Amino acid sequence: MVLLAHSAQKGTPEQCYRDHVQAVSRKSLANVEGALNFFSGEEKEKDALLHAIGSGASLHDLGKVDEKNQVVLAKPGFGGRLPVNHVDAGTSWLLGKRALNGALLVYCHHGGLFSFSAECKKQDGRLAFRDTNIADEVDENLHEYIAKHRGVFDLPEVKEDTWALKGFSLRLALSCLVDADHHDTACHYGGESPPKTIAPKWEKRLESLNQYVARISVAVTERGERNRLRTELYAACADGSIEPALKFCDAPVGSGKTTAVMAHLLAVASARKLRHVFVVLPYTNIIEQSVEVYRKAIVLEGENPEEIVAAHYHQADFSDINSRQLATLWGAPVTVTSAVQFFETLSNSKTSRLRKLHELPGSAVFVDESHAAMPLHIWPQQWTWMQELTRKWGCYFVLASGSLVKFWEYSSFSTSNNTVSSLLPDSLRRRLKDFEEQRVVYPVRKPPLDRNELIKLVVSKPGPRLIILNTVQSAAVIAHEMKKRNENVLHLSTALTPKDRKRIIDLVSRLLAHKTMADWTLVATSCVEAGVDFSFKTAFRESCSVTSLIQTGGRANRHGMDMESEIIDFRARDPFLNKHPAFEDSRAILDQMFDEGLLHSMSPVEAATESVRRELARNDIIQKAKSIQNEEERQEYRKVEKLTKLIDTDTRTVVICRNIINRLLTREKVSSVDLLQNSVQLWSNKVQNLGLQCFRYFPELYYWNYPYDPNFMGYMEGLLPMVYQYTDDEYGLVI
């Protein structure tokens, strides 16, 4: 009888055990070798990785040869759980050989990384990393399993481990195996194609970028100091030193960091022969804007822009076998992704999220608007991983922001001696700082306002005007109320799909360029706070934090041409403008610094640094940071994942586009790009309360069945009638 790995499904024949194990072994080894090309750590760790992958990949599905499992796999259409947990057999055999690293990969390749303390509780550790329900049965049949395996595939050469994989190296090894397993399974069922190798061509891309920037410079009508500084910034970045591998760039808003830092990373990638460049951004709409620029600037003639510059928006990693085809991986030469995707991949325990991690070694990474990348207490552990990536895995990082905080200089955050140097020469930094201080419009503070008072204040100020609110609901209410008053208003928030947001961003850009059209307002959430090339006459910001207010200042008088712009900080007191609880502490610090006059006397970087110093004075931040580091050291990987969530929310992907919904309902193939462009993220409790349904064959995806306005309200078109039925105390949810 032919041993099976997967059953026949909807016109696709079964897959034999030998073919699957062979393919997974081959690809997982290729994955780890690709990463090890950039490894400069100890030889023992390298050997441990290769040995773990070799043994783990060979035996990852050993339990499937159990007779009960084979009977089920022979049934066409089977897609459920096997009667005998198939990971336990390979785990048991490798543990018996003291090959712990390989055993851990087999044990985790479906369930994800473990809690070490939970494993130690299994019969006082005697059954750690085993399925206690079937351990005796599996051990009794283990000799039979091995004999069947030997009949179709060689047993791996196994030796006792002398180096324990943990932390990043364990996640990397698991990524290599999981990617190979998921990929071969998806290929068999037609959900994925063999990976396409794309030559990075870094030198040619840098040449193309240079030409693009030169064309833009010729087309710019603005002259004077601002344009000279941009030109000098680009040249300094393109020619900047590639040592050390940790850099910072504190150039102010509007100085051209998007292209300048990319020029530097392309030069680094060329010199170091790297395989990927990552651009990490805090908000999805900045991703859209940056992707558009990079595709115009560095994609060569005849290339597919989506293959060269990949855009990874909100979460698109799925553990369900039918959803793997929708997963976005990190194989493109340049990937523009969110801080949530990037940093939560480093800290994750789930196989679906870890699958792409092995692509990170040998990469140059640009963390733009780094002040907004994550909460402060998460930085210390992430910083530890970043240092490991630069020290041992050939990575290169640039952290940039117009309100940059050098958190690595605080002893409570980093005890490492790793050098972090400026990407820019000090003389240029001083001139950029001097120009920024001339451009900055110092903010004013208003007392608490209800929605009618806020709208009255907004329309009394010269336009074009920007209002940034703390929640999607608040932004929708203000936009809706202004439209009822016949005001010229646009709305931009994550209530709209990425595709619809892009269209509105393009419209805003055109309106801002049309100088004679001034009497209009953009109502938005923090998605326009940083990195977006908008410059309004007047900007309003609902009280949030010092850095948020500074960044809002970058959306007014952005290019330093209008000395009459105004930035207004306000608080809301209205039952329909709901509060965001995460901002209470940062708002208190903002109030303190207003009261002390520091926001008028300090430069933006000084004010941002002072606000962070005050936040660090609170012991709970330091304690939270130490807790993450302690749990990582104790190998409590599931706790680490939970503690390092950048946005502490439980969200679901909800598909909006009716055409995409119909295709998924009928199990048609949908590309990850189409999925991401036409969906939104909603809180899980909101999904439940609204009664949204998941797709039968894609249970981690939901579909929208309420009104949706692609040009204005987005999904809030369907929710606003519900909002107006409740007061803040009764409604109580941040949308």
Foldseek 3Di string as FASTA:
>chain_A
DFAFDAAAEDPFHTHTPLVLLVQLLVQLLVLLVVQCVQFDDDPLLSVLLNQLSNQLSNQLQLQCRPPQNRVQRHDHPDDDDGPDNRLQLSLVVQVVQQSNLNSQLSLALQVFFAAQVVQCPPVNNPQRSHDVVCNVVSVVCSVVSVVVSVVRHNRGDDHNRPDDDAAQSSLLSSLSSNLSNLAVLCVSVPLDDPDDDDDLPLVQLLVLQVVVVVVVLVVDPDDDDLSVLLVVLLVLLLPFDPPPQAEEAQQAFPSPCLSSVVSNQSNNCVVLVFQAEEEEAAFLLLLVVSLVVSLNRRDDPPDDSCQAEPEEEDDQFDSRSLSNSLHDARRHRYYYYYLLLVQLCSQAGHNSSSNRVSSQQRYEYEHEQVVNSFDLLLQLVSVVVVVCSSVTRNYGYYYYYNQDAPPCVDCLRHPDPDDYYYSGDPVSVVVSLVLLVLQFDFADEDEADALVRVVVVQQVDWFDEEEAAAFLQQLLVSQVVCVVVVFAEFEAELLAALQLNNVVLVVQVVQQVVVVRTRYYYRYYCSCQANRPAEMQEYEYEQAALLSQVSSSCNHSVSSPDPNGHYYYYHYDFQRRADDVVRPVRSVLVVVCVVVVVSVVDRSNVSSNVSVVVVVVDVVSSVLSVVLVVSSVSSSSNVNSQSNRRDNFAKAKEFEDPVVVVCVLVSHRDHSVRSRRGIGIDGPVVCVVVVWAARPSRRRYTYDDFDADSGHSRNVVRVVVVSVVDTCVVVVDRD
